[in-house]
């Protein structure tokens, strides 16, 4: 179904944006890039929720891992609700 494909594409695009944002945090030179600032504008509010709930473990911040997992869960729930509405 086309609507499910659109949802998959949108969630994939956001997942890629999250990945780029997390990866860019390891490369300080990228922080001033216009592309990274654009991505940060849309991903940081989502990541901030998890960073407030899950403290870093020493030098390791596992909140993005949980954020990726939750995004996949949200996608599944969203598609399930849509499926229930359509059928």
PDB file of N, CA and C in Angstrom:
ATOM      1  N   UNK A   1       0.834  -1.179   0.000  1.00  0.00           N
ATOM      2  CA  UNK A   1       0.000   0.000   0.000  1.00  0.00           C
ATOM      3  C   UNK A   1       0.882   1.247   0.000  1.00  0.00           C
ATOM      4  N   UNK A   2       0.514   2.217  -0.774  1.00  0.00           N
ATOM      5  CA  UNK A   2       1.326   3.418  -0.979  1.00  0.00           C
ATOM      6  C   UNK A   2       1.506   4.205   0.324  1.00  0.00           C
ATOM      7  N   UNK A   3       0.481   4.306   1.121  1.00  0.00           N
ATOM      8  CA  UNK A   3       0.563   5.071   2.363  1.00  0.00           C
ATOM      9  C   UNK A   3       1.598   4.475   3.319  1.00  0.00           C
ATOM     10  N   UNK A   4       1.664   3.156   3.377  1.00  0.00           N
ATOM     11  CA  UNK A   4       2.653   2.506   4.234  1.00  0.00           C
ATOM     12  C   UNK A   4       4.070   2.743   3.715  1.00  0.00           C
ATOM     13  N   UNK A   5       4.241   2.768   2.401  1.00  0.00           N
ATOM     14  CA  UNK A   5       5.553   3.052   1.813  1.00  0.00           C
ATOM     15  C   UNK A   5       5.999   4.479   2.157  1.00  0.00           C
ATOM     16  N   UNK A   6       5.062   5.414   2.091  1.00  0.00           N
ATOM     17  CA  UNK A   6       5.373   6.806   2.432  1.00  0.00           C
ATOM     18  C   UNK A   6       5.813   6.907   3.891  1.00  0.00           C
ATOM     19  N   UNK A   7       5.099   6.219   4.770  1.00  0.00           N
ATOM     20  CA  UNK A   7       5.466   6.212   6.191  1.00  0.00           C
ATOM     21  C   UNK A   7       6.857   5.631   6.366  1.00  0.00           C
ATOM     22  N   UNK A   8       7.136   4.522   5.689  1.00  0.00           N
ATOM     23  CA  UNK A   8       8.458   3.905   5.778  1.00  0.00           C
ATOM     24  C   UNK A   8       9.549   4.852   5.306  1.00  0.00           C
ATOM     25  N   UNK A   9       9.303   5.552   4.214  1.00  0.00           N
ATOM     26  CA  UNK A   9      10.297   6.481   3.672  1.00  0.00           C
ATOM     27  C   UNK A   9      10.535   7.645   4.632  1.00  0.00           C
ATOM     28  N   UNK A  10       9.473   8.179   5.206  1.00  0.00           N
ATOM     29  CA  UNK A  10       9.622   9.294   6.148  1.00  0.00           C
ATOM     30  C   UNK A  10      10.388   8.875   7.392  1.00  0.00           C
ATOM     31  N   UNK A  11      10.054   7.709   7.938  1.00  0.00           N
ATOM     32  CA  UNK A  11      10.769   7.233   9.123  1.00  0.00           C
ATOM     33  C   UNK A  11      12.217   6.889   8.793  1.00  0.00           C
ATOM     34  N   UNK A  12      12.470   6.360   7.610  1.00  0.00           N
ATOM     35  CA  UNK A  12      13.846   6.074   7.192  1.00  0.00           C
ATOM     36  C   UNK A  12      14.646   7.367   7.075  1.00  0.00           C
ATOM     37  N   UNK A  13      14.039   8.386   6.492  1.00  0.00           N
ATOM     38  CA  UNK A  13      14.723   9.677   6.357  1.00  0.00           C
ATOM     39  C   UNK A  13      15.066  10.247   7.733  1.00  0.00           C
ATOM     40  N   UNK A  14      14.137  10.163   8.675  1.00  0.00           N
ATOM     41  CA  UNK A  14      14.400  10.686  10.014  1.00  0.00           C
ATOM     42  C   UNK A  14      15.458   9.840  10.726  1.00  0.00           C
ATOM     43  N   UNK A  15      15.434   8.531  10.522  1.00  0.00           N
ATOM     44  CA  UNK A  15      16.451   7.660  11.111  1.00  0.00           C
ATOM     45  C   UNK A  15      17.832   8.011  10.578  1.00  0.00           C
ATOM     46  N   UNK A  16      17.932   8.267   9.286  1.00  0.00           N
ATOM     47  CA  UNK A  16      19.210   8.665   8.700  1.00  0.00           C
ATOM     48  C   UNK A  16      19.659  10.005   9.274  1.00  0.00           C
ATOM     49  N   UNK A  17      18.717  10.934   9.432  1.00  0.00           N
ATOM     50  CA  UNK A  17      19.054  12.228  10.028  1.00  0.00           C
ATOM     51  C   UNK A  17      19.583  12.036  11.458  1.00  0.00           C
ATOM     52  N   UNK A  18      18.949  11.155  12.227  1.00  0.00           N
ATOM     53  CA  UNK A  18      19.415  10.877  13.587  1.00  0.00           C
ATOM     54  C   UNK A  18      20.825  10.299  13.567  1.00  0.00           C
ATOM     55  N   UNK A  19      21.061   9.357  12.660  1.00  0.00           N
ATOM     56  CA  UNK A  19      22.371   8.741  12.562  1.00  0.00           C
ATOM     57  C   UNK A  19      23.436   9.784  12.226  1.00  0.00           C
ATOM     58  N   UNK A  20      23.145  10.647  11.269  1.00  0.00           N
ATOM     59  CA  UNK A  20      24.099  11.693  10.877  1.00  0.00           C
ATOM     60  C   UNK A  20      24.351  12.629  12.053  1.00  0.00           C
ATOM     61  N   UNK A  21      23.304  12.966  12.784  1.00  0.00           N
ATOM     62  CA  UNK A  21      23.450  13.865  13.940  1.00  0.00           C
ATOM     63  C   UNK A  21      24.331  13.239  15.014  1.00  0.00           C
ATOM     64  N   UNK A  22      24.087  11.989  15.327  1.00  0.00           N
ATOM     65  CA  UNK A  22      24.885  11.308  16.351  1.00  0.00           C
ATOM     66  C   UNK A  22      26.334  11.188  15.882  1.00  0.00           C
ATOM     67  N   UNK A  23      26.533  10.781  14.637  1.00  0.00           N
ATOM     68  CA  UNK A  23      27.885  10.641  14.096  1.00  0.00           C
ATOM     69  C   UNK A  23      28.603  11.991  14.067  1.00  0.00           C
ATOM     70  N   UNK A  24      27.885  13.040  13.719  1.00  0.00           N
ATOM     71  CA  UNK A  24      28.515  14.363  13.623  1.00  0.00           C
ATOM     72  C   UNK A  24      28.975  14.883  14.980  1.00  0.00           C
ATOM     73  N   UNK A  25      28.385  14.383  16.056  1.00  0.00           N
ATOM     74  CA  UNK A  25      28.804  14.837  17.385  1.00  0.00           C
ATOM     75  C   UNK A  25      30.231  14.390  17.701  1.00  0.00           C
ATOM     76  N   UNK A  26      30.734  13.404  16.990  1.00  0.00           N
ATOM     77  CA  UNK A  26      32.112  12.942  17.186  1.00  0.00           C
ATOM     78  C   UNK A  26      33.109  13.740  16.355  1.00  0.00           C
ATOM     79  N   UNK A  27      32.623  14.582  15.449  1.00  0.00           N
ATOM     80  CA  UNK A  27      33.503  15.344  14.568  1.00  0.00           C
ATOM     81  C   UNK A  27      33.211  16.835  14.771  1.00  0.00           C
ATOM     82  N   UNK A  28      33.982  17.488  15.635  1.00  0.00           N
ATOM     83  CA  UNK A  28      33.702  18.892  15.975  1.00  0.00           C
ATOM     84  C   UNK A  28      33.699  19.838  14.772  1.00  0.00           C
ATOM     85  N   UNK A  29      34.481  19.529  13.765  1.00  0.00           N
ATOM     86  CA  UNK A  29      34.545  20.407  12.596  1.00  0.00           C
ATOM     87  C   UNK A  29      33.208  20.488  11.861  1.00  0.00           C
ATOM     88  N   UNK A  30      32.377  19.488  12.010  1.00  0.00           N
ATOM     89  CA  UNK A  30      31.089  19.453  11.312  1.00  0.00           C
ATOM     90  C   UNK A  30      30.020  20.292  12.008  1.00  0.00           C
ATOM     91  N   UNK A  31      30.232  20.669  13.247  1.00  0.00           N
ATOM     92  CA  UNK A  31      29.187  21.323  14.037  1.00  0.00           C
ATOM     93  C   UNK A  31      28.703  22.641  13.442  1.00  0.00           C
ATOM     94  N   UNK A  32      29.562  23.339  12.722  1.00  0.00           N
ATOM     95  CA  UNK A  32      29.169  24.621  12.134  1.00  0.00           C
ATOM     96  C   UNK A  32      28.627  24.489  10.722  1.00  0.00           C
ATOM     97  N   UNK A  33      28.549  23.274  10.231  1.00  0.00           N
ATOM     98  CA  UNK A  33      28.023  23.043   8.890  1.00  0.00           C
ATOM     99  C   UNK A  33      26.536  23.383   8.849  1.00  0.00           C
ATOM    100  N   UNK A  34      26.120  23.994   7.767  1.00  0.00           N
ATOM    101  CA  UNK A  34      24.713  24.355   7.617  1.00  0.00           C
ATOM    102  C   UNK A  34      23.827  23.113   7.575  1.00  0.00           C
ATOM    103  N   UNK A  35      24.311  22.054   6.948  1.00  0.00           N
ATOM    104  CA  UNK A  35      23.541  20.807   6.873  1.00  0.00           C
ATOM    105  C   UNK A  35      23.359  20.212   8.266  1.00  0.00           C
ATOM    106  N   UNK A  36      24.411  20.176   9.055  1.00  0.00           N
ATOM    107  CA  UNK A  36      24.331  19.610  10.411  1.00  0.00           C
ATOM    108  C   UNK A  36      23.436  20.474  11.289  1.00  0.00           C
ATOM    109  N   UNK A  37      23.509  21.778  11.141  1.00  0.00           N
ATOM    110  CA  UNK A  37      22.609  22.649  11.923  1.00  0.00           C
ATOM    111  C   UNK A  37      21.152  22.404  11.544  1.00  0.00           C
ATOM    112  N   UNK A  38      20.881  22.188  10.258  1.00  0.00           N
ATOM    113  CA  UNK A  38      19.527  21.863   9.798  1.00  0.00           C
ATOM    114  C   UNK A  38      19.062  20.550  10.427  1.00  0.00           C
ATOM    115  N   UNK A  39      19.921  19.542  10.362  1.00  0.00           N
ATOM    116  CA  UNK A  39      19.580  18.233  10.935  1.00  0.00           C
ATOM    117  C   UNK A  39      19.387  18.344  12.442  1.00  0.00           C
ATOM    118  N   UNK A  40      20.263  19.072  13.107  1.00  0.00           N
ATOM    119  CA  UNK A  40      20.167  19.240  14.558  1.00  0.00           C
ATOM    120  C   UNK A  40      18.861  19.926  14.953  1.00  0.00           C
ATOM    121  N   UNK A  41      18.427  20.875  14.160  1.00  0.00           N
ATOM    122  CA  UNK A  41      17.184  21.590  14.449  1.00  0.00           C
ATOM    123  C   UNK A  41      16.003  20.625  14.554  1.00  0.00           C
ATOM    124  N   UNK A  42      15.995  19.595  13.699  1.00  0.00           N
ATOM    125  CA  UNK A  42      14.879  18.654  13.680  1.00  0.00           C
ATOM    126  C   UNK A  42      15.093  17.419  14.548  1.00  0.00           C
ATOM    127  N   UNK A  43      16.332  17.091  14.877  1.00  0.00           N
ATOM    128  CA  UNK A  43      16.571  15.874  15.645  1.00  0.00           C
ATOM    129  C   UNK A  43      16.870  16.124  17.119  1.00  0.00           C
ATOM    130  N   UNK A  44      17.442  17.258  17.449  1.00  0.00           N
ATOM    131  CA  UNK A  44      17.818  17.502  18.838  1.00  0.00           C
ATOM    132  C   UNK A  44      16.636  17.498  19.812  1.00  0.00           C
ATOM    133  N   UNK A  45      15.476  18.050  19.464  1.00  0.00           N
ATOM    134  CA  UNK A  45      14.359  17.962  20.420  1.00  0.00           C
ATOM    135  C   UNK A  45      13.983  16.506  20.756  1.00  0.00           C
ATOM    136  N   UNK A  46      14.002  15.641  19.759  1.00  0.00           N
ATOM    137  CA  UNK A  46      13.700  14.225  19.989  1.00  0.00           C
ATOM    138  C   UNK A  46      14.790  13.576  20.837  1.00  0.00           C
ATOM    139  N   UNK A  47      16.053  13.830  20.499  1.00  0.00           N
ATOM    140  CA  UNK A  47      17.157  13.242  21.259  1.00  0.00           C
ATOM    141  C   UNK A  47      17.208  13.795  22.686  1.00  0.00           C
ATOM    142  N   UNK A  48      16.851  15.048  22.859  1.00  0.00           N
ATOM    143  CA  UNK A  48      16.889  15.681  24.177  1.00  0.00           C
ATOM    144  C   UNK A  48      15.978  14.958  25.168  1.00  0.00           C
ATOM    145  N   UNK A  49      14.848  14.457  24.700  1.00  0.00           N
ATOM    146  CA  UNK A  49      13.932  13.714  25.576  1.00  0.00           C
ATOM    147  C   UNK A  49      14.658  12.527  26.195  1.00  0.00           C
ATOM    148  N   UNK A  50      15.395  11.800  25.393  1.00  0.00           N
ATOM    149  CA  UNK A  50      16.083  10.611  25.882  1.00  0.00           C
ATOM    150  C   UNK A  50      17.324  10.966  26.707  1.00  0.00           C
ATOM    151  N   UNK A  51      17.982  12.050  26.365  1.00  0.00           N
ATOM    152  CA  UNK A  51      19.155  12.471  27.137  1.00  0.00           C
ATOM    153  C   UNK A  51      18.750  12.926  28.533  1.00  0.00           C
ATOM    154  N   UNK A  52      17.539  13.463  28.683  1.00  0.00           N
ATOM    155  CA  UNK A  52      17.063  13.873  30.001  1.00  0.00           C
ATOM    156  C   UNK A  52      16.657  12.667  30.840  1.00  0.00           C
ATOM    157  N   UNK A  53      16.187  11.608  30.184  1.00  0.00           N
ATOM    158  CA  UNK A  53      15.736  10.419  30.914  1.00  0.00           C
ATOM    159  C   UNK A  53      16.859   9.442  31.233  1.00  0.00           C
ATOM    160  N   UNK A  54      17.865   9.367  30.360  1.00  0.00           N
ATOM    161  CA  UNK A  54      18.914   8.365  30.498  1.00  0.00           C
ATOM    162  C   UNK A  54      20.259   9.073  30.669  1.00  0.00           C
ATOM    163  N   UNK A  55      20.834   8.992  31.855  1.00  0.00           N
ATOM    164  CA  UNK A  55      22.133   9.654  32.053  1.00  0.00           C
ATOM    165  C   UNK A  55      23.244   8.895  31.326  1.00  0.00           C
ATOM    166  N   UNK A  56      24.303   9.597  30.947  1.00  0.00           N
ATOM    167  CA  UNK A  56      25.435   8.921  30.295  1.00  0.00           C
ATOM    168  C   UNK A  56      26.091   7.914  31.234  1.00  0.00           C
ATOM    169  N   UNK A  57      26.614   6.855  30.667  1.00  0.00           N
ATOM    170  CA  UNK A  57      27.363   5.858  31.429  1.00  0.00           C
ATOM    171  C   UNK A  57      28.843   6.161  31.249  1.00  0.00           C
ATOM    172  N   UNK A  58      29.382   6.967  32.133  1.00  0.00           N
ATOM    173  CA  UNK A  58      30.761   7.418  31.981  1.00  0.00           C
ATOM    174  C   UNK A  58      30.859   8.333  30.775  1.00  0.00           C
ATOM    175  N   UNK A  59      31.689   7.947  29.810  1.00  0.00           N
ATOM    176  CA  UNK A  59      31.846   8.729  28.580  1.00  0.00           C
ATOM    177  C   UNK A  59      30.860   8.282  27.499  1.00  0.00           C
ATOM    178  N   UNK A  60      30.092   7.260  27.771  1.00  0.00           N
ATOM    179  CA  UNK A  60      29.201   6.676  26.758  1.00  0.00           C
ATOM    180  C   UNK A  60      27.762   7.155  26.963  1.00  0.00           C
ATOM    181  N   UNK A  61      27.210   7.778  25.924  1.00  0.00           N
ATOM    182  CA  UNK A  61      25.814   8.227  25.942  1.00  0.00           C
ATOM    183  C   UNK A  61      24.991   7.210  25.160  1.00  0.00           C
ATOM    184  N   UNK A  62      24.198   6.418  25.877  1.00  0.00           N
ATOM    185  CA  UNK A  62      23.404   5.377  25.203  1.00  0.00           C
ATOM    186  C   UNK A  62      22.012   5.861  24.809  1.00  0.00           C
ATOM    187  N   UNK A  63      21.700   7.104  25.119  1.00  0.00           N
ATOM    188  CA  UNK A  63      20.367   7.614  24.810  1.00  0.00           C
ATOM    189  C   UNK A  63      20.029   7.558  23.319  1.00  0.00           C
ATOM    190  N   UNK A  64      20.973   7.792  22.386  1.00  0.00           N
ATOM    191  CA  UNK A  64      20.618   7.657  20.970  1.00  0.00           C
ATOM    192  C   UNK A  64      20.201   6.229  20.585  1.00  0.00           C
ATOM    193  N   UNK A  65      20.801   5.234  21.237  1.00  0.00           N
ATOM    194  CA  UNK A  65      20.412   3.848  20.945  1.00  0.00           C
ATOM    195  C   UNK A  65      18.950   3.632  21.316  1.00  0.00           C
ATOM    196  N   UNK A  66      18.561   4.115  22.480  1.00  0.00           N
ATOM    197  CA  UNK A  66      17.169   4.011  22.921  1.00  0.00           C
ATOM    198  C   UNK A  66      16.264   4.830  22.009  1.00  0.00           C
ATOM    199  N   UNK A  67      16.750   5.991  21.563  1.00  0.00           N
ATOM    200  CA  UNK A  67      15.971   6.840  20.656  1.00  0.00           C
ATOM    201  C   UNK A  67      15.715   6.129  19.328  1.00  0.00           C
ATOM    202  N   UNK A  68      16.726   5.435  18.792  1.00  0.00           N
ATOM    203  CA  UNK A  68      16.540   4.664  17.560  1.00  0.00           C
ATOM    204  C   UNK A  68      15.511   3.555  17.772  1.00  0.00           C
ATOM    205  N   UNK A  69      15.632   2.853  18.878  1.00  0.00           N
ATOM    206  CA  UNK A  69      14.697   1.774  19.181  1.00  0.00           C
ATOM    207  C   UNK A  69      13.272   2.310  19.287  1.00  0.00           C
ATOM    208  N   UNK A  70      13.096   3.402  20.011  1.00  0.00           N
ATOM    209  CA  UNK A  70      11.758   3.988  20.178  1.00  0.00           C
ATOM    210  C   UNK A  70      11.193   4.495  18.858  1.00  0.00           C
ATOM    211  N   UNK A  71      12.040   5.028  18.004  1.00  0.00           N
ATOM    212  CA  UNK A  71      11.567   5.497  16.703  1.00  0.00           C
ATOM    213  C   UNK A  71      10.999   4.326  15.892  1.00  0.00           C
ATOM    214  N   UNK A  72      11.686   3.191  15.933  1.00  0.00           N
ATOM    215  CA  UNK A  72      11.188   2.005  15.230  1.00  0.00           C
ATOM    216  C   UNK A  72       9.878   1.528  15.838  1.00  0.00           C
ATOM    217  N   UNK A  73       9.792   1.590  17.155  1.00  0.00           N
ATOM    218  CA  UNK A  73       8.559   1.205  17.843  1.00  0.00           C
ATOM    219  C   UNK A  73       7.411   2.144  17.462  1.00  0.00           C
ATOM    220  N   UNK A  74       7.684   3.426  17.425  1.00  0.00           N
ATOM    221  CA  UNK A  74       6.666   4.413  17.036  1.00  0.00           C
ATOM    222  C   UNK A  74       6.199   4.162  15.607  1.00  0.00           C
ATOM    223  N   UNK A  75       7.135   3.848  14.727  1.00  0.00           N
ATOM    224  CA  UNK A  75       6.781   3.556  13.344  1.00  0.00           C
ATOM    225  C   UNK A  75       5.841   2.351  13.272  1.00  0.00           C
ATOM    226  N   UNK A  76       6.170   1.299  14.004  1.00  0.00           N
ATOM    227  CA  UNK A  76       5.326   0.103  14.009  1.00  0.00           C
ATOM    228  C   UNK A  76       3.938   0.372  14.555  1.00  0.00           C
ATOM    229  N   UNK A  77       3.872   1.112  15.636  1.00  0.00           N
ATOM    230  CA  UNK A  77       2.569   1.446  16.233  1.00  0.00           C
ATOM    231  C   UNK A  77       1.761   2.324  15.284  1.00  0.00           C
ATOM    232  N   UNK A  78       2.418   3.282  14.672  1.00  0.00           N
ATOM    233  CA  UNK A  78       1.747   4.176  13.736  1.00  0.00           C
ATOM    234  C   UNK A  78       1.154   3.387  12.564  1.00  0.00           C
ATOM    235  N   UNK A  79       1.944   2.466  12.023  1.00  0.00           N
ATOM    236  CA  UNK A  79       1.460   1.660  10.896  1.00  0.00           C
ATOM    237  C   UNK A  79       0.339   0.715  11.342  1.00  0.00           C
ATOM    238  N   UNK A  80       0.429   0.177  12.548  1.00  0.00           N
ATOM    239  CA  UNK A  80      -0.621  -0.704  13.055  1.00  0.00           C
ATOM    240  C   UNK A  80      -1.932   0.066  13.215  1.00  0.00           C
ATOM    241  N   UNK A  81      -1.874   1.273  13.780  1.00  0.00           N
ATOM    242  CA  UNK A  81      -3.074   2.094  13.940  1.00  0.00           C
ATOM    243  C   UNK A  81      -3.674   2.421  12.583  1.00  0.00           C
ATOM    244  N   UNK A  82      -2.818   2.801  11.648  1.00  0.00           N
ATOM    245  CA  UNK A  82      -3.301   3.103  10.296  1.00  0.00           C
ATOM    246  C   UNK A  82      -3.953   1.884   9.651  1.00  0.00           C
ATOM    247  N   UNK A  83      -3.352   0.722   9.852  1.00  0.00           N
ATOM    248  CA  UNK A  83      -3.920  -0.513   9.319  1.00  0.00           C
ATOM    249  C   UNK A  83      -5.299  -0.776   9.918  1.00  0.00           C
ATOM    250  N   UNK A  84      -5.441  -0.528  11.225  1.00  0.00           N
ATOM    251  CA  UNK A  84      -6.730  -0.735  11.898  1.00  0.00           C
ATOM    252  C   UNK A  84      -7.789   0.218  11.373  1.00  0.00           C
ATOM    253  N   UNK A  85      -7.386   1.419  11.062  1.00  0.00           N
ATOM    254  CA  UNK A  85      -8.340   2.407  10.542  1.00  0.00           C
ATOM    255  C   UNK A  85      -8.790   2.049   9.143  1.00  0.00           C
ATOM    256  N   UNK A  86      -7.855   1.600   8.321  1.00  0.00           N
ATOM    257  CA  UNK A  86      -8.178   1.293   6.919  1.00  0.00           C
ATOM    258  C   UNK A  86      -9.013   0.027   6.790  1.00  0.00           C
ATOM    259  N   UNK A  87      -8.688  -0.971   7.593  1.00  0.00           N
ATOM    260  CA  UNK A  87      -9.417  -2.245   7.459  1.00  0.00           C
ATOM    261  C   UNK A  87     -10.477  -2.357   8.489  1.00  0.00           C
TER     262      UNK A  87
END
